[in-house]
PDB file of all heavy atoms in Angstrom:
ATOM      1  N   GLY A   1     -80.786-164.437-122.692  1.00  0.00           N
ATOM      2  CA  GLY A   1     -81.382-164.606-123.983  1.00  0.00           C
ATOM      3  C   GLY A   1     -82.436-165.709-124.037  1.00  0.00           C
ATOM      4  O   GLY A   1     -82.753-166.233-125.119  1.00  0.00           O
ATOM      5  N   LEU A   2     -83.017-166.089-122.880  1.00  0.00           N
ATOM      6  CA  LEU A   2     -83.962-167.177-122.847  1.00  0.00           C
ATOM      7  C   LEU A   2     -85.391-166.671-122.879  1.00  0.00           C
ATOM      8  O   LEU A   2     -85.705-165.605-122.356  1.00  0.00           O
ATOM      9  CB  LEU A   2     -83.760-167.995-121.538  1.00  0.00           C
ATOM     10  CG  LEU A   2     -82.368-168.596-121.366  1.00  0.00           C
ATOM     11  CD1 LEU A   2     -82.303-169.327-119.979  1.00  0.00           C
ATOM     12  CD2 LEU A   2     -82.056-169.573-122.447  1.00  0.00           C
ATOM     13  N   GLY A   3     -86.251-167.438-123.523  1.00  0.00           N
ATOM     14  CA  GLY A   3     -87.670-167.100-123.556  1.00  0.00           C
ATOM     15  C   GLY A   3     -88.295-167.415-124.902  1.00  0.00           C
ATOM     16  O   GLY A   3     -87.621-167.916-125.823  1.00  0.00           O
ATOM     17  N   ASP A   4     -89.568-167.088-125.039  1.00  0.00           N
ATOM     18  CA  ASP A   4     -90.317-167.326-126.285  1.00  0.00           C
ATOM     19  C   ASP A   4     -90.956-166.060-126.742  1.00  0.00           C
ATOM     20  O   ASP A   4     -91.464-165.255-125.919  1.00  0.00           O
ATOM     21  CB  ASP A   4     -91.420-168.379-126.009  1.00  0.00           C
ATOM     22  CG  ASP A   4     -90.826-169.763-125.685  1.00  0.00           C
ATOM     23  OD1 ASP A   4     -90.085-170.279-126.519  1.00  0.00           O
ATOM     24  OD2 ASP A   4     -91.143-170.248-124.584  1.00  0.00           O
ATOM     25  N   LYS A   5     -90.978-165.878-128.066  1.00  0.00           N
ATOM     26  CA  LYS A   5     -91.558-164.676-128.677  1.00  0.00           C
ATOM     27  C   LYS A   5     -92.821-165.063-129.440  1.00  0.00           C
ATOM     28  O   LYS A   5     -92.850-166.085-130.112  1.00  0.00           O
ATOM     29  CB  LYS A   5     -90.558-164.052-129.652  1.00  0.00           C
ATOM     30  CG  LYS A   5     -89.328-163.485-129.000  1.00  0.00           C
ATOM     31  CD  LYS A   5     -88.219-163.094-129.974  1.00  0.00           C
ATOM     32  CE  LYS A   5     -88.615-162.209-131.086  1.00  0.00           C
ATOM     33  NZ  LYS A   5     -87.457-161.734-131.875  1.00  0.00           N
ATOM     34  N   ASN A   6     -93.807-164.143-129.362  1.00  0.00           N
ATOM     35  CA  ASN A   6     -94.993-164.243-130.178  1.00  0.00           C
ATOM     36  C   ASN A   6     -95.708-165.572-130.080  1.00  0.00           C
ATOM     37  O   ASN A   6     -96.017-166.222-131.086  1.00  0.00           O
ATOM     38  CB  ASN A   6     -94.736-163.822-131.618  1.00  0.00           C
ATOM     39  CG  ASN A   6     -94.534-162.296-131.681  1.00  0.00           C
ATOM     40  OD1 ASN A   6     -95.259-161.553-131.040  1.00  0.00           O
ATOM     41  ND2 ASN A   6     -93.550-161.882-132.447  1.00  0.00           N
ATOM     42  N   ILE A   7     -95.952-166.002-128.841  1.00  0.00           N
ATOM     43  CA  ILE A   7     -96.781-167.169-128.539  1.00  0.00           C
ATOM     44  C   ILE A   7     -97.936-166.704-127.647  1.00  0.00           C
ATOM     45  O   ILE A   7     -97.769-165.679-126.960  1.00  0.00           O
ATOM     46  CB  ILE A   7     -95.962-168.300-127.849  1.00  0.00           C
ATOM     47  CG1 ILE A   7     -95.424-167.809-126.493  1.00  0.00           C
ATOM     48  CG2 ILE A   7     -94.811-168.781-128.755  1.00  0.00           C
ATOM     49  CD1 ILE A   7     -94.896-168.902-125.613  1.00  0.00           C
ATOM     50  N   PRO A   8     -99.052-167.412-127.601  1.00  0.00           N
ATOM     51  CA  PRO A   8    -100.078-167.037-126.649  1.00  0.00           C
ATOM     52  C   PRO A   8     -99.527-167.187-125.217  1.00  0.00           C
ATOM     53  O   PRO A   8     -98.801-168.133-124.907  1.00  0.00           O
ATOM     54  CB  PRO A   8    -101.195-168.077-126.904  1.00  0.00           C
ATOM     55  CG  PRO A   8    -100.963-168.495-128.329  1.00  0.00           C
ATOM     56  CD  PRO A   8     -99.481-168.503-128.500  1.00  0.00           C
ATOM     57  N   VAL A   9     -99.835-166.195-124.374  1.00  0.00           N
ATOM     58  CA  VAL A   9     -99.426-166.208-122.972  1.00  0.00           C
ATOM     59  C   VAL A   9    -100.675-165.965-122.135  1.00  0.00           C
ATOM     60  O   VAL A   9    -101.623-165.341-122.583  1.00  0.00           O
ATOM     61  CB  VAL A   9     -98.334-165.182-122.623  1.00  0.00           C
ATOM     62  CG1 VAL A   9     -97.059-165.457-123.402  1.00  0.00           C
ATOM     63  CG2 VAL A   9     -98.815-163.760-122.930  1.00  0.00           C
ATOM     64  N   ARG A  10    -100.657-166.491-120.926  1.00  0.00           N
ATOM     65  CA  ARG A  10    -101.850-166.370-120.080  1.00  0.00           C
ATOM     66  C   ARG A  10    -101.483-165.923-118.668  1.00  0.00           C
ATOM     67  O   ARG A  10    -100.600-166.488-118.022  1.00  0.00           O
ATOM     68  CB  ARG A  10    -102.584-167.735-119.961  1.00  0.00           C
ATOM     69  CG  ARG A  10    -103.856-167.629-119.154  1.00  0.00           C
ATOM     70  CD  ARG A  10    -104.724-168.875-119.285  1.00  0.00           C
ATOM     71  NE  ARG A  10    -105.879-168.791-118.435  1.00  0.00           N
ATOM     72  CZ  ARG A  10    -107.008-168.110-118.737  1.00  0.00           C
ATOM     73  NH1 ARG A  10    -107.100-167.498-119.863  1.00  0.00           N
ATOM     74  NH2 ARG A  10    -108.012-168.099-117.872  1.00  0.00           N
ATOM     75  N   PHE A  11    -102.150-164.847-118.226  1.00  0.00           N
ATOM     76  CA  PHE A  11    -102.086-164.380-116.861  1.00  0.00           C
ATOM     77  C   PHE A  11    -103.246-163.421-116.654  1.00  0.00           C
ATOM     78  O   PHE A  11    -103.889-163.026-117.607  1.00  0.00           O
ATOM     79  CB  PHE A  11    -100.722-163.686-116.556  1.00  0.00           C
ATOM     80  CG  PHE A  11    -100.371-162.545-117.447  1.00  0.00           C
ATOM     81  CD1 PHE A  11    -100.892-161.259-117.253  1.00  0.00           C
ATOM     82  CD2 PHE A  11     -99.500-162.745-118.520  1.00  0.00           C
ATOM     83  CE1 PHE A  11    -100.557-160.219-118.075  1.00  0.00           C
ATOM     84  CE2 PHE A  11     -99.169-161.699-119.345  1.00  0.00           C
ATOM     85  CZ  PHE A  11     -99.678-160.413-119.117  1.00  0.00           C
ATOM     86  N   GLY A  12    -103.575-163.113-115.402  1.00  0.00           N
ATOM     87  CA  GLY A  12    -104.688-162.222-115.122  1.00  0.00           C
ATOM     88  C   GLY A  12    -105.990-162.778-115.634  1.00  0.00           C
ATOM     89  O   GLY A  12    -106.882-161.990-116.007  1.00  0.00           O
ATOM     90  N   GLU A  13    -106.105-164.095-115.689  1.00  0.00           N
ATOM     91  CA  GLU A  13    -107.321-164.816-116.142  1.00  0.00           C
ATOM     92  C   GLU A  13    -107.639-164.595-117.604  1.00  0.00           C
ATOM     93  O   GLU A  13    -108.780-164.853-118.025  1.00  0.00           O
ATOM     94  CB  GLU A  13    -108.522-164.398-115.237  1.00  0.00           C
ATOM     95  CG  GLU A  13    -108.298-164.674-113.788  1.00  0.00           C
ATOM     96  CD  GLU A  13    -109.402-164.210-112.898  1.00  0.00           C
ATOM     97  OE1 GLU A  13    -110.498-163.871-113.380  1.00  0.00           O
ATOM     98  OE2 GLU A  13    -109.113-164.106-111.662  1.00  0.00           O
ATOM     99  N   VAL A  14    -106.648-164.188-118.406  1.00  0.00           N
ATOM    100  CA  VAL A  14    -106.863-163.930-119.850  1.00  0.00           C
ATOM    101  C   VAL A  14    -105.709-164.478-120.645  1.00  0.00           C
ATOM    102  O   VAL A  14    -104.544-164.430-120.198  1.00  0.00           O
ATOM    103  CB  VAL A  14    -107.003-162.420-120.114  1.00  0.00           C
ATOM    104  CG1 VAL A  14    -106.934-162.059-121.556  1.00  0.00           C
ATOM    105  CG2 VAL A  14    -108.303-161.876-119.519  1.00  0.00           C
ATOM    106  N   THR A  15    -106.009-165.037-121.813  1.00  0.00           N
ATOM    107  CA  THR A  15    -104.966-165.421-122.756  1.00  0.00           C
ATOM    108  C   THR A  15    -104.737-164.269-123.711  1.00  0.00           C
ATOM    109  O   THR A  15    -105.721-163.736-124.292  1.00  0.00           O
ATOM    110  CB  THR A  15    -105.382-166.689-123.538  1.00  0.00           C
ATOM    111  OG1 THR A  15    -105.518-167.767-122.588  1.00  0.00           O
ATOM    112  CG2 THR A  15    -104.303-167.069-124.555  1.00  0.00           C
ATOM    113  N   PHE A  16    -103.492-163.884-123.926  1.00  0.00           N
ATOM    114  CA  PHE A  16    -103.102-162.812-124.827  1.00  0.00           C
ATOM    115  C   PHE A  16    -102.501-163.475-126.052  1.00  0.00           C
ATOM    116  O   PHE A  16    -101.469-164.180-125.966  1.00  0.00           O
ATOM    117  CB  PHE A  16    -102.055-161.907-124.202  1.00  0.00           C
ATOM    118  CG  PHE A  16    -102.495-161.241-122.925  1.00  0.00           C
ATOM    119  CD1 PHE A  16    -102.470-161.913-121.727  1.00  0.00           C
ATOM    120  CD2 PHE A  16    -102.921-159.934-122.940  1.00  0.00           C
ATOM    121  CE1 PHE A  16    -102.859-161.301-120.540  1.00  0.00           C
ATOM    122  CE2 PHE A  16    -103.335-159.287-121.785  1.00  0.00           C
ATOM    123  CZ  PHE A  16    -103.305-159.963-120.580  1.00  0.00           C
ATOM    124  N   THR A  17    -103.103-163.288-127.213  1.00  0.00           N
ATOM    125  CA  THR A  17    -102.668-163.913-128.470  1.00  0.00           C
ATOM    126  C   THR A  17    -102.072-162.832-129.385  1.00  0.00           C
ATOM    127  O   THR A  17    -102.749-161.803-129.603  1.00  0.00           O
ATOM    128  CB  THR A  17    -103.819-164.646-129.109  1.00  0.00           C
ATOM    129  OG1 THR A  17    -104.333-165.629-128.207  1.00  0.00           O
ATOM    130  CG2 THR A  17    -103.373-165.357-130.384  1.00  0.00           C
ATOM    131  N   PRO A  18    -100.896-163.058-129.918  1.00  0.00           N
ATOM    132  CA  PRO A  18    -100.326-162.092-130.853  1.00  0.00           C
ATOM    133  C   PRO A  18    -101.318-161.761-131.960  1.00  0.00           C
ATOM    134  O   PRO A  18    -102.000-162.646-132.497  1.00  0.00           O
ATOM    135  CB  PRO A  18     -99.080-162.780-131.389  1.00  0.00           C
ATOM    136  CG  PRO A  18     -98.673-163.732-130.312  1.00  0.00           C
ATOM    137  CD  PRO A  18     -99.984-164.208-129.718  1.00  0.00           C
ATOM    138  N   GLY A  19    -101.415-160.464-132.269  1.00  0.00           N
ATOM    139  CA  GLY A  19    -102.321-159.999-133.323  1.00  0.00           C
ATOM    140  C   GLY A  19    -103.681-159.587-132.800  1.00  0.00           C
ATOM    141  O   GLY A  19    -104.438-158.918-133.503  1.00  0.00           O
ATOM    142  N   GLU A  20    -104.038-159.995-131.563  1.00  0.00           N
ATOM    143  CA  GLU A  20    -105.284-159.512-131.002  1.00  0.00           C
ATOM    144  C   GLU A  20    -105.105-158.079-130.550  1.00  0.00           C
ATOM    145  O   GLU A  20    -104.017-157.514-130.732  1.00  0.00           O
ATOM    146  CB  GLU A  20    -105.719-160.388-129.804  1.00  0.00           C
ATOM    147  CG  GLU A  20    -106.237-161.751-130.265  1.00  0.00           C
ATOM    148  CD  GLU A  20    -106.904-162.524-129.170  1.00  0.00           C
ATOM    149  OE1 GLU A  20    -106.483-162.427-127.993  1.00  0.00           O
ATOM    150  OE2 GLU A  20    -107.860-163.263-129.472  1.00  0.00           O
ATOM    151  N   TRP A  21    -106.117-157.461-129.972  1.00  0.00           N
ATOM    152  CA  TRP A  21    -106.115-156.049-129.604  1.00  0.00           C
ATOM    153  C   TRP A  21    -106.165-155.865-128.141  1.00  0.00           C
ATOM    154  O   TRP A  21    -106.933-156.589-127.463  1.00  0.00           O
ATOM    155  CB  TRP A  21    -107.275-155.331-130.304  1.00  0.00           C
ATOM    156  CG  TRP A  21    -107.112-155.361-131.782  1.00  0.00           C
ATOM    157  CD1 TRP A  21    -107.606-156.327-132.626  1.00  0.00           C
ATOM    158  CD2 TRP A  21    -106.408-154.447-132.603  1.00  0.00           C
ATOM    159  NE1 TRP A  21    -107.194-156.076-133.910  1.00  0.00           N
ATOM    160  CE2 TRP A  21    -106.467-154.921-133.919  1.00  0.00           C
ATOM    161  CE3 TRP A  21    -105.700-153.287-132.331  1.00  0.00           C
ATOM    162  CZ2 TRP A  21    -105.866-154.250-134.985  1.00  0.00           C
ATOM    163  CZ3 TRP A  21    -105.121-152.592-133.391  1.00  0.00           C
ATOM    164  CH2 TRP A  21    -105.214-153.104-134.701  1.00  0.00           C
ATOM    165  N   LEU A  22    -105.424-154.905-127.641  1.00  0.00           N
ATOM    166  CA  LEU A  22    -105.430-154.588-126.205  1.00  0.00           C
ATOM    167  C   LEU A  22    -105.736-153.112-126.040  1.00  0.00           C
ATOM    168  O   LEU A  22    -105.252-152.264-126.767  1.00  0.00           O
ATOM    169  CB  LEU A  22    -104.037-154.879-125.616  1.00  0.00           C
ATOM    170  CG  LEU A  22    -103.898-154.711-124.098  1.00  0.00           C
ATOM    171  CD1 LEU A  22    -102.977-155.755-123.540  1.00  0.00           C
ATOM    172  CD2 LEU A  22    -103.377-153.323-123.732  1.00  0.00           C
ATOM    173  N   TYR A  23    -106.605-152.814-125.050  1.00  0.00           N
ATOM    174  CA  TYR A  23    -107.007-151.479-124.713  1.00  0.00           C
ATOM    175  C   TYR A  23    -106.773-151.321-123.185  1.00  0.00           C
ATOM    176  O   TYR A  23    -107.251-152.154-122.413  1.00  0.00           O
ATOM    177  CB  TYR A  23    -108.487-151.247-125.040  1.00  0.00           C
ATOM    178  CG  TYR A  23    -108.806-151.558-126.474  1.00  0.00           C
ATOM    179  CD1 TYR A  23    -109.104-152.840-126.907  1.00  0.00           C
ATOM    180  CD2 TYR A  23    -108.773-150.526-127.433  1.00  0.00           C
ATOM    181  CE1 TYR A  23    -109.375-153.130-128.244  1.00  0.00           C
ATOM    182  CE2 TYR A  23    -109.041-150.802-128.753  1.00  0.00           C
ATOM    183  CZ  TYR A  23    -109.346-152.093-129.173  1.00  0.00           C
ATOM    184  OH  TYR A  23    -109.608-152.359-130.482  1.00  0.00           O
ATOM    185  N   ALA A  24    -106.102-150.259-122.795  1.00  0.00           N
ATOM    186  CA  ALA A  24    -105.775-150.063-121.382  1.00  0.00           C
ATOM    187  C   ALA A  24    -105.989-148.607-120.961  1.00  0.00           C
ATOM    188  O   ALA A  24    -105.697-147.717-121.724  1.00  0.00           O
ATOM    189  CB  ALA A  24    -104.333-150.491-121.106  1.00  0.00           C
ATOM    190  N   ASP A  25    -106.480-148.447-119.757  1.00  0.00           N
ATOM    191  CA  ASP A  25    -106.585-147.122-119.140  1.00  0.00           C
ATOM    192  C   ASP A  25    -106.625-147.326-117.609  1.00  0.00           C
ATOM    193  O   ASP A  25    -106.355-148.414-117.124  1.00  0.00           O
ATOM    194  CB  ASP A  25    -107.784-146.336-119.687  1.00  0.00           C
ATOM    195  CG  ASP A  25    -109.118-146.985-119.420  1.00  0.00           C
ATOM    196  OD1 ASP A  25    -109.212-147.897-118.552  1.00  0.00           O
ATOM    197  OD2 ASP A  25    -110.091-146.608-120.091  1.00  0.00           O
ATOM    198  N   LEU A  26    -106.986-146.270-116.891  1.00  0.00           N
ATOM    199  CA  LEU A  26    -107.015-146.357-115.427  1.00  0.00           C
ATOM    200  C   LEU A  26    -108.034-147.353-114.902  1.00  0.00           C
ATOM    201  O   LEU A  26    -107.898-147.855-113.760  1.00  0.00           O
ATOM    202  CB  LEU A  26    -107.290-144.976-114.840  1.00  0.00           C
ATOM    203  CG  LEU A  26    -106.136-144.000-114.864  1.00  0.00           C
ATOM    204  CD1 LEU A  26    -106.608-142.622-114.352  1.00  0.00           C
ATOM    205  CD2 LEU A  26    -104.980-144.489-114.002  1.00  0.00           C
ATOM    206  N   ASP A  27    -109.033-147.678-115.718  1.00  0.00           N
ATOM    207  CA  ASP A  27    -110.067-148.658-115.256  1.00  0.00           C
ATOM    208  C   ASP A  27    -109.648-150.081-115.475  1.00  0.00           C
ATOM    209  O   ASP A  27    -110.282-150.964-114.931  1.00  0.00           O
ATOM    210  CB  ASP A  27    -111.392-148.368-115.990  1.00  0.00           C
ATOM    211  CG  ASP A  27    -112.030-147.117-115.468  1.00  0.00           C
ATOM    212  OD1 ASP A  27    -112.032-146.853-114.273  1.00  0.00           O
ATOM    213  OD2 ASP A  27    -112.584-146.341-116.285  1.00  0.00           O
ATOM    214  N   GLY A  28    -108.679-150.333-116.313  1.00  0.00           N
ATOM    215  CA  GLY A  28    -108.239-151.717-116.488  1.00  0.00           C
ATOM    216  C   GLY A  28    -107.714-152.013-117.890  1.00  0.00           C
ATOM    217  O   GLY A  28    -107.405-151.111-118.670  1.00  0.00           O
ATOM    218  N   ILE A  29    -107.687-153.311-118.200  1.00  0.00           N
ATOM    219  CA  ILE A  29    -107.152-153.810-119.445  1.00  0.00           C
ATOM    220  C   ILE A  29    -108.209-154.698-120.091  1.00  0.00           C
ATOM    221  O   ILE A  29    -108.742-155.625-119.438  1.00  0.00           O
ATOM    222  CB  ILE A  29    -105.861-154.607-119.273  1.00  0.00           C
ATOM    223  CG1 ILE A  29    -104.779-153.774-118.563  1.00  0.00           C
ATOM    224  CG2 ILE A  29    -105.319-155.119-120.612  1.00  0.00           C
ATOM    225  CD1 ILE A  29    -103.570-154.578-118.096  1.00  0.00           C
ATOM    226  N   VAL A  30    -108.472-154.447-121.371  1.00  0.00           N
ATOM    227  CA  VAL A  30    -109.436-155.253-122.133  1.00  0.00           C
ATOM    228  C   VAL A  30    -108.700-155.820-123.329  1.00  0.00           C
ATOM    229  O   VAL A  30    -107.918-155.127-124.001  1.00  0.00           O
ATOM    230  CB  VAL A  30    -110.597-154.340-122.618  1.00  0.00           C
ATOM    231  CG1 VAL A  30    -111.521-155.097-123.550  1.00  0.00           C
ATOM    232  CG2 VAL A  30    -111.364-153.772-121.441  1.00  0.00           C
ATOM    233  N   VAL A  31    -108.955-157.105-123.612  1.00  0.00           N
ATOM    234  CA  VAL A  31    -108.316-157.782-124.762  1.00  0.00           C
ATOM    235  C   VAL A  31    -109.469-158.255-125.681  1.00  0.00           C
ATOM    236  O   VAL A  31    -110.470-158.780-125.221  1.00  0.00           O
ATOM    237  CB  VAL A  31    -107.495-158.998-124.283  1.00  0.00           C
ATOM    238  CG1 VAL A  31    -106.954-159.774-125.478  1.00  0.00           C
ATOM    239  CG2 VAL A  31    -106.364-158.488-123.382  1.00  0.00           C
ATOM    240  N   SER A  32    -109.265-158.089-126.985  1.00  0.00           N
ATOM    241  CA  SER A  32    -110.295-158.441-127.930  1.00  0.00           C
ATOM    242  C   SER A  32    -109.706-159.122-129.160  1.00  0.00           C
ATOM    243  O   SER A  32    -108.603-158.785-129.622  1.00  0.00           O
ATOM    244  CB  SER A  32    -111.047-157.152-128.385  1.00  0.00           C
ATOM    245  OG  SER A  32    -112.004-157.453-129.384  1.00  0.00           O
ATOM    246  N   SER A  33    -110.467-160.079-129.694  1.00  0.00           N
ATOM    247  CA  SER A  33    -110.027-160.792-130.925  1.00  0.00           C
ATOM    248  C   SER A  33    -110.307-159.904-132.142  1.00  0.00           C
ATOM    249  O   SER A  33    -109.836-160.232-133.218  1.00  0.00           O
ATOM    250  CB  SER A  33    -110.665-162.127-131.026  1.00  0.00           C
ATOM    251  OG  SER A  33    -112.080-161.995-131.039  1.00  0.00           O
ATOM    252  N   VAL A  34    -111.061-158.826-131.991  1.00  0.00           N
ATOM    253  CA  VAL A  34    -111.382-157.930-133.124  1.00  0.00           C
ATOM    254  C   VAL A  34    -111.176-156.495-132.639  1.00  0.00           C
ATOM    255  O   VAL A  34    -111.312-156.194-131.440  1.00  0.00           O
ATOM    256  CB  VAL A  34    -112.850-158.110-133.600  1.00  0.00           C
ATOM    257  CG1 VAL A  34    -113.069-159.486-134.168  1.00  0.00           C
ATOM    258  CG2 VAL A  34    -113.844-157.827-132.483  1.00  0.00           C
ATOM    259  N   PRO A  35    -110.849-155.562-133.555  1.00  0.00           N
ATOM    260  CA  PRO A  35    -110.730-154.149-133.111  1.00  0.00           C
ATOM    261  C   PRO A  35    -112.077-153.646-132.595  1.00  0.00           C
ATOM    262  O   PRO A  35    -113.135-154.027-133.132  1.00  0.00           O
ATOM    263  CB  PRO A  35    -110.327-153.408-134.412  1.00  0.00           C
ATOM    264  CG  PRO A  35    -109.842-154.480-135.344  1.00  0.00           C
ATOM    265  CD  PRO A  35    -110.518-155.753-134.973  1.00  0.00           C
ATOM    266  N   LEU A  36    -112.053-152.822-131.560  1.00  0.00           N
ATOM    267  CA  LEU A  36    -113.268-152.307-130.938  1.00  0.00           C
ATOM    268  C   LEU A  36    -113.443-150.820-131.177  1.00  0.00           C
ATOM    269  O   LEU A  36    -112.475-150.095-131.317  1.00  0.00           O
ATOM    270  CB  LEU A  36    -113.233-152.543-129.427  1.00  0.00           C
ATOM    271  CG  LEU A  36    -113.138-153.970-128.932  1.00  0.00           C
ATOM    272  CD1 LEU A  36    -113.054-153.983-127.411  1.00  0.00           C
ATOM    273  CD2 LEU A  36    -114.307-154.788-129.409  1.00  0.00           C
ATOM    274  N   SER A  37    -114.702-150.372-131.197  1.00  0.00           N
ATOM    275  CA  SER A  37    -114.983-148.937-131.199  1.00  0.00           C
ATOM    276  C   SER A  37    -116.206-148.745-130.320  1.00  0.00           C
ATOM    277  O   SER A  37    -117.037-149.617-130.131  1.00  0.00           O
ATOM    278  CB  SER A  37    -115.257-148.447-132.636  1.00  0.00           C
ATOM    279  OG  SER A  37    -116.318-149.144-133.200  1.00  0.00           O
TER     280      SER A  37
END
């Protein structure tokens, strides 16, 4: 039961912040502070 929930985490040279947007497919993973189209 150890760990932290909904905090910014960093790996893969990117910080992932709760509430931001993630897009993933065979080409990779993209993270954005705003929804993308």
